[in-house]
Amino acid sequence: MTLSQDMILPRTGVGIDVHAFAPDGDPQPLWLGGLFWEGEQGLSGHSDGDCVAHAAADALFSACGIGDLGTHFGTDRPEFAGASGVKLLGEAARIVRAAGFEIGNVAVQFVANRPKFGPRREESQKVLTEAAGAPVSVTATTSDGLGFTGRGEGISAVATALVYPVTGHKVPATGPGPAKGAPHA
């Protein structure tokens, strides 16, 4: 059996984002999974440092082959300084759809000792799902005291996304890839 050129095949992508906690002398609010975490030390970053939302956006770009977070929202783009991760995820979803794709779903897992995520999981998933216009699931784990997340120095997140080309829309086999010299946001 050969694949028909008209067959719609899903595409998957992976996104990773890592942010260190802001230094004690420069306190920042913690935004994670689209939510504000009262009383928690925030993350450093060009935008709000929400590595869950950033990894989700990066996975969408990866699945479509249209660059990465730095390509679209890099530190060379002052209009994204301090931007909400939810805003970036919503804009990423818009860019993905404009490129001829629809989003099936996004799954994100973050690694951190804190905050305690379970009680707010549904709230986070609702906010991120609304931003992406597609289901977003979020899970959390620890690294059992290993590495920078285990030492409480920051948070990392890994996401996968499933997208599929919209029928009748010409989708390139590969995208432009990351912009040269564009740092990851």
C-alpha atoms as a PDB file:
ATOM      1  CA  MET A   1       0.000   0.000   0.000  1.00  0.00           C
ATOM      2  CA  THR A   2       1.287   3.482  -0.873  1.00  0.00           C
ATOM      3  CA  LEU A   3       0.270   6.687   0.833  1.00  0.00           C
ATOM      4  CA  SER A   4      -1.948   8.971  -1.181  1.00  0.00           C
ATOM      5  CA  GLN A   5      -0.817  12.569  -1.505  1.00  0.00           C
ATOM      6  CA  ASP A   6      -4.337  13.528  -0.406  1.00  0.00           C
ATOM      7  CA  MET A   7      -4.130  11.521   2.825  1.00  0.00           C
ATOM      8  CA  ILE A   8      -4.069  13.744   5.898  1.00  0.00           C
ATOM      9  CA  LEU A   9      -1.251  12.599   8.152  1.00  0.00           C
ATOM     10  CA  PRO A  10      -0.777  14.083  11.609  1.00  0.00           C
ATOM     11  CA  ARG A  11       2.530  15.637  12.538  1.00  0.00           C
ATOM     12  CA  THR A  12       4.110  15.703  15.987  1.00  0.00           C
ATOM     13  CA  GLY A  13       6.507  18.132  17.579  1.00  0.00           C
ATOM     14  CA  VAL A  14       8.508  18.451  20.770  1.00  0.00           C
ATOM     15  CA  GLY A  15       9.170  21.622  22.751  1.00  0.00           C
ATOM     16  CA  ILE A  16      11.447  22.177  25.727  1.00  0.00           C
ATOM     17  CA  ASP A  17      11.731  25.251  27.908  1.00  0.00           C
ATOM     18  CA  VAL A  18      13.853  25.907  30.993  1.00  0.00           C
ATOM     19  CA  HIS A  19      13.938  28.916  33.301  1.00  0.00           C
ATOM     20  CA  ALA A  20      15.907  29.635  36.462  1.00  0.00           C
ATOM     21  CA  PHE A  21      14.211  31.149  39.465  1.00  0.00           C
ATOM     22  CA  ALA A  22      14.753  34.911  39.692  1.00  0.00           C
ATOM     23  CA  PRO A  23      17.432  35.963  42.179  1.00  0.00           C
ATOM     24  CA  ASP A  24      16.284  36.925  45.674  1.00  0.00           C
ATOM     25  CA  GLY A  25      17.371  40.529  45.027  1.00  0.00           C
ATOM     26  CA  ASP A  26      15.082  40.768  41.977  1.00  0.00           C
ATOM     27  CA  PRO A  27      11.798  39.154  43.003  1.00  0.00           C
ATOM     28  CA  GLN A  28       9.435  38.215  40.174  1.00  0.00           C
ATOM     29  CA  PRO A  29       5.888  36.840  40.246  1.00  0.00           C
ATOM     30  CA  LEU A  30       5.603  33.149  39.404  1.00  0.00           C
ATOM     31  CA  TRP A  31       3.550  32.422  36.306  1.00  0.00           C
ATOM     32  CA  LEU A  32       3.355  28.726  35.493  1.00  0.00           C
ATOM     33  CA  GLY A  33       0.840  26.830  33.408  1.00  0.00           C
ATOM     34  CA  GLY A  34      -0.949  30.101  32.678  1.00  0.00           C
ATOM     35  CA  LEU A  35      -1.587  30.735  36.380  1.00  0.00           C
ATOM     36  CA  PHE A  36      -0.229  33.195  38.938  1.00  0.00           C
ATOM     37  CA  TRP A  37       1.196  31.457  42.018  1.00  0.00           C
ATOM     38  CA  GLU A  38       0.816  33.771  45.024  1.00  0.00           C
ATOM     39  CA  GLY A  39       3.791  33.774  47.402  1.00  0.00           C
ATOM     40  CA  GLU A  40       6.071  31.737  45.107  1.00  0.00           C
ATOM     41  CA  GLN A  41       9.424  32.927  43.741  1.00  0.00           C
ATOM     42  CA  GLY A  42       9.112  33.714  40.039  1.00  0.00           C
ATOM     43  CA  LEU A  43      11.211  32.688  37.060  1.00  0.00           C
ATOM     44  CA  SER A  44      13.671  34.825  35.097  1.00  0.00           C
ATOM     45  CA  GLY A  45      13.040  35.389  31.426  1.00  0.00           C
ATOM     46  CA  HIS A  46      12.455  37.818  28.579  1.00  0.00           C
ATOM     47  CA  SER A  47       8.719  37.249  28.948  1.00  0.00           C
ATOM     48  CA  ASP A  48       6.936  36.005  32.088  1.00  0.00           C
ATOM     49  CA  GLY A  49       9.076  32.837  32.244  1.00  0.00           C
ATOM     50  CA  ASP A  50       6.072  30.470  32.062  1.00  0.00           C
ATOM     51  CA  CYS A  51       8.012  27.441  30.839  1.00  0.00           C
ATOM     52  CA  VAL A  52       4.837  25.308  30.590  1.00  0.00           C
ATOM     53  CA  ALA A  53       3.181  27.702  28.118  1.00  0.00           C
ATOM     54  CA  HIS A  54       6.501  28.280  26.312  1.00  0.00           C
ATOM     55  CA  ALA A  55       7.161  24.540  25.847  1.00  0.00           C
ATOM     56  CA  ALA A  56       3.609  24.105  24.503  1.00  0.00           C
ATOM     57  CA  ALA A  57       4.139  26.889  21.939  1.00  0.00           C
ATOM     58  CA  ASP A  58       7.540  25.477  20.975  1.00  0.00           C
ATOM     59  CA  ALA A  59       6.016  22.014  20.409  1.00  0.00           C
ATOM     60  CA  LEU A  60       3.409  23.526  18.077  1.00  0.00           C
ATOM     61  CA  PHE A  61       6.076  25.281  16.008  1.00  0.00           C
ATOM     62  CA  SER A  62       8.159  22.083  15.924  1.00  0.00           C
ATOM     63  CA  ALA A  63       5.226  19.991  14.690  1.00  0.00           C
ATOM     64  CA  CYS A  64       4.654  22.383  11.796  1.00  0.00           C
ATOM     65  CA  GLY A  65       8.327  22.897  10.956  1.00  0.00           C
ATOM     66  CA  ILE A  66       7.995  26.672  11.191  1.00  0.00           C
ATOM     67  CA  GLY A  67      10.793  27.583  13.562  1.00  0.00           C
ATOM     68  CA  ASP A  68      10.745  27.807  17.327  1.00  0.00           C
ATOM     69  CA  LEU A  69       9.970  30.145  20.197  1.00  0.00           C
ATOM     70  CA  GLY A  70      13.074  32.238  19.488  1.00  0.00           C
ATOM     71  CA  THR A  71      12.119  32.555  15.823  1.00  0.00           C
ATOM     72  CA  HIS A  72       8.740  34.056  16.626  1.00  0.00           C
ATOM     73  CA  PHE A  73       9.158  35.672  20.078  1.00  0.00           C
ATOM     74  CA  GLY A  74      12.926  36.062  20.564  1.00  0.00           C
ATOM     75  CA  THR A  75      14.697  38.430  22.897  1.00  0.00           C
ATOM     76  CA  ASP A  76      15.336  40.687  19.895  1.00  0.00           C
ATOM     77  CA  ARG A  77      11.577  41.419  19.882  1.00  0.00           C
ATOM     78  CA  PRO A  78      10.982  44.095  22.566  1.00  0.00           C
ATOM     79  CA  GLU A  79       7.207  43.868  22.107  1.00  0.00           C
ATOM     80  CA  PHE A  80       7.346  40.469  23.852  1.00  0.00           C
ATOM     81  CA  ALA A  81       9.318  41.655  26.892  1.00  0.00           C
ATOM     82  CA  GLY A  82       7.265  40.632  29.923  1.00  0.00           C
ATOM     83  CA  ALA A  83       4.613  38.992  27.713  1.00  0.00           C
ATOM     84  CA  SER A  84       2.265  36.454  29.230  1.00  0.00           C
ATOM     85  CA  GLY A  85       2.940  32.815  28.351  1.00  0.00           C
ATOM     86  CA  VAL A  86      -0.790  32.484  27.697  1.00  0.00           C
ATOM     87  CA  LYS A  87      -0.571  35.329  25.169  1.00  0.00           C
ATOM     88  CA  LEU A  88       2.421  33.666  23.487  1.00  0.00           C
ATOM     89  CA  LEU A  89       0.628  30.307  23.318  1.00  0.00           C
ATOM     90  CA  GLY A  90      -2.438  31.969  21.797  1.00  0.00           C
ATOM     91  CA  GLU A  91      -0.277  33.755  19.228  1.00  0.00           C
ATOM     92  CA  ALA A  92       1.589  30.501  18.473  1.00  0.00           C
ATOM     93  CA  ALA A  93      -1.751  28.772  17.828  1.00  0.00           C
ATOM     94  CA  ARG A  94      -2.749  31.608  15.476  1.00  0.00           C
ATOM     95  CA  ILE A  95       0.563  31.317  13.580  1.00  0.00           C
ATOM     96  CA  VAL A  96       0.182  27.525  13.314  1.00  0.00           C
ATOM     97  CA  ARG A  97      -3.339  27.856  11.919  1.00  0.00           C
ATOM     98  CA  ALA A  98      -2.228  30.572   9.488  1.00  0.00           C
ATOM     99  CA  ALA A  99       0.454  28.138   8.258  1.00  0.00           C
ATOM    100  CA  GLY A 100      -2.289  25.668   7.290  1.00  0.00           C
ATOM    101  CA  PHE A 101      -2.522  23.403  10.320  1.00  0.00           C
ATOM    102  CA  GLU A 102      -5.115  22.551  12.924  1.00  0.00           C
ATOM    103  CA  ILE A 103      -4.123  21.537  16.441  1.00  0.00           C
ATOM    104  CA  GLY A 104      -5.084  18.096  17.719  1.00  0.00           C
ATOM    105  CA  ASN A 105      -3.700  18.447  21.238  1.00  0.00           C
ATOM    106  CA  VAL A 106      -0.696  19.462  23.329  1.00  0.00           C
ATOM    107  CA  ALA A 107       0.675  17.579  26.349  1.00  0.00           C
ATOM    108  CA  VAL A 108       3.156  19.220  28.738  1.00  0.00           C
ATOM    109  CA  GLN A 109       5.091  17.827  31.674  1.00  0.00           C
ATOM    110  CA  PHE A 110       7.136  20.095  33.894  1.00  0.00           C
ATOM    111  CA  VAL A 111       9.854  19.174  36.387  1.00  0.00           C
ATOM    112  CA  ALA A 112      10.037  21.132  39.651  1.00  0.00           C
ATOM    113  CA  ASN A 113       9.969  20.792  43.415  1.00  0.00           C
ATOM    114  CA  ARG A 114       7.368  23.528  43.675  1.00  0.00           C
ATOM    115  CA  PRO A 115       4.713  24.807  43.351  1.00  0.00           C
ATOM    116  CA  LYS A 116       2.361  21.963  44.292  1.00  0.00           C
ATOM    117  CA  PHE A 117       0.514  21.632  41.015  1.00  0.00           C
ATOM    118  CA  GLY A 118      -2.142  18.948  41.540  1.00  0.00           C
ATOM    119  CA  PRO A 119      -4.744  21.168  43.227  1.00  0.00           C
ATOM    120  CA  ARG A 120      -4.664  23.638  40.301  1.00  0.00           C
ATOM    121  CA  ARG A 121      -4.206  21.216  37.373  1.00  0.00           C
ATOM    122  CA  GLU A 122      -7.740  21.587  36.003  1.00  0.00           C
ATOM    123  CA  GLU A 123      -7.569  25.383  36.246  1.00  0.00           C
ATOM    124  CA  SER A 124      -4.254  25.438  34.343  1.00  0.00           C
ATOM    125  CA  GLN A 125      -5.473  23.064  31.651  1.00  0.00           C
ATOM    126  CA  LYS A 126      -8.596  25.179  31.133  1.00  0.00           C
ATOM    127  CA  VAL A 127      -6.580  28.406  30.714  1.00  0.00           C
ATOM    128  CA  LEU A 128      -4.067  26.819  28.313  1.00  0.00           C
ATOM    129  CA  THR A 129      -6.760  24.970  26.336  1.00  0.00           C
ATOM    130  CA  GLU A 130      -8.610  28.244  25.849  1.00  0.00           C
ATOM    131  CA  ALA A 131      -5.405  29.980  24.687  1.00  0.00           C
ATOM    132  CA  ALA A 132      -4.519  27.222  22.192  1.00  0.00           C
ATOM    133  CA  GLY A 133      -8.076  26.585  21.035  1.00  0.00           C
ATOM    134  CA  ALA A 134      -7.346  22.865  21.461  1.00  0.00           C
ATOM    135  CA  PRO A 135      -6.903  20.432  24.363  1.00  0.00           C
ATOM    136  CA  VAL A 136      -3.815  21.036  26.503  1.00  0.00           C
ATOM    137  CA  SER A 137      -2.968  18.616  29.311  1.00  0.00           C
ATOM    138  CA  VAL A 138      -0.364  19.338  31.986  1.00  0.00           C
ATOM    139  CA  THR A 139       1.412  16.977  34.355  1.00  0.00           C
ATOM    140  CA  ALA A 140       4.121  17.626  36.922  1.00  0.00           C
ATOM    141  CA  THR A 141       6.939  15.596  38.413  1.00  0.00           C
ATOM    142  CA  THR A 142      10.113  16.062  40.424  1.00  0.00           C
ATOM    143  CA  SER A 143      13.653  14.939  39.695  1.00  0.00           C
ATOM    144  CA  ASP A 144      14.078  13.354  43.131  1.00  0.00           C
ATOM    145  CA  GLY A 145      16.625  15.963  44.189  1.00  0.00           C
ATOM    146  CA  LEU A 146      18.786  15.587  41.081  1.00  0.00           C
ATOM    147  CA  GLY A 147      19.987  18.393  38.800  1.00  0.00           C
ATOM    148  CA  PHE A 148      19.068  22.069  38.853  1.00  0.00           C
ATOM    149  CA  THR A 149      15.342  21.334  39.257  1.00  0.00           C
ATOM    150  CA  GLY A 150      16.081  19.006  42.154  1.00  0.00           C
ATOM    151  CA  ARG A 151      18.211  21.663  43.814  1.00  0.00           C
ATOM    152  CA  GLY A 152      15.319  24.122  43.448  1.00  0.00           C
ATOM    153  CA  GLU A 153      17.182  26.403  41.026  1.00  0.00           C
ATOM    154  CA  GLY A 154      14.491  26.466  38.336  1.00  0.00           C
ATOM    155  CA  ILE A 155      11.833  24.648  36.355  1.00  0.00           C
ATOM    156  CA  SER A 156      11.970  22.740  33.075  1.00  0.00           C
ATOM    157  CA  ALA A 157       9.122  21.642  30.828  1.00  0.00           C
ATOM    158  CA  VAL A 158       8.788  19.255  27.892  1.00  0.00           C
ATOM    159  CA  ALA A 159       5.791  19.295  25.547  1.00  0.00           C
ATOM    160  CA  THR A 160       4.523  17.298  22.622  1.00  0.00           C
ATOM    161  CA  ALA A 161       2.001  18.548  20.105  1.00  0.00           C
ATOM    162  CA  LEU A 162      -0.085  16.855  17.446  1.00  0.00           C
ATOM    163  CA  VAL A 163      -1.147  18.919  14.445  1.00  0.00           C
ATOM    164  CA  TYR A 164      -2.555  18.027  11.066  1.00  0.00           C
ATOM    165  CA  PRO A 165      -2.653  19.922   7.784  1.00  0.00           C
ATOM    166  CA  VAL A 166      -5.964  21.467   6.821  1.00  0.00           C
ATOM    167  CA  THR A 167      -7.378  19.863   3.676  1.00  0.00           C
ATOM    168  CA  GLY A 168      -6.774  21.962   0.592  1.00  0.00           C
ATOM    169  CA  HIS A 169      -4.079  24.116   2.194  1.00  0.00           C
ATOM    170  CA  LYS A 170      -0.593  23.687   0.705  1.00  0.00           C
ATOM    171  CA  VAL A 171       1.796  22.834   3.531  1.00  0.00           C
ATOM    172  CA  PRO A 172       5.549  22.795   2.899  1.00  0.00           C
ATOM    173  CA  ALA A 173       7.380  19.540   3.663  1.00  0.00           C
ATOM    174  CA  THR A 174       9.800  21.434   5.908  1.00  0.00           C
ATOM    175  CA  GLY A 175       9.801  24.866   7.443  1.00  0.00           C
ATOM    176  CA  PRO A 176      12.472  27.524   7.700  1.00  0.00           C
ATOM    177  CA  GLY A 177      13.886  26.206  11.010  1.00  0.00           C
ATOM    178  CA  PRO A 178      15.296  28.448  13.693  1.00  0.00           C
ATOM    179  CA  ALA A 179      16.442  31.905  12.769  1.00  0.00           C
ATOM    180  CA  LYS A 180      20.221  32.231  12.760  1.00  0.00           C
ATOM    181  CA  GLY A 181      21.390  33.947  15.898  1.00  0.00           C
ATOM    182  CA  ALA A 182      17.886  34.159  17.342  1.00  0.00           C
ATOM    183  CA  PRO A 183      18.154  33.309  21.019  1.00  0.00           C
ATOM    184  CA  HIS A 184      15.494  31.163  22.600  1.00  0.00           C
ATOM    185  CA  ALA A 185      13.004  33.278  24.538  1.00  0.00           C
END
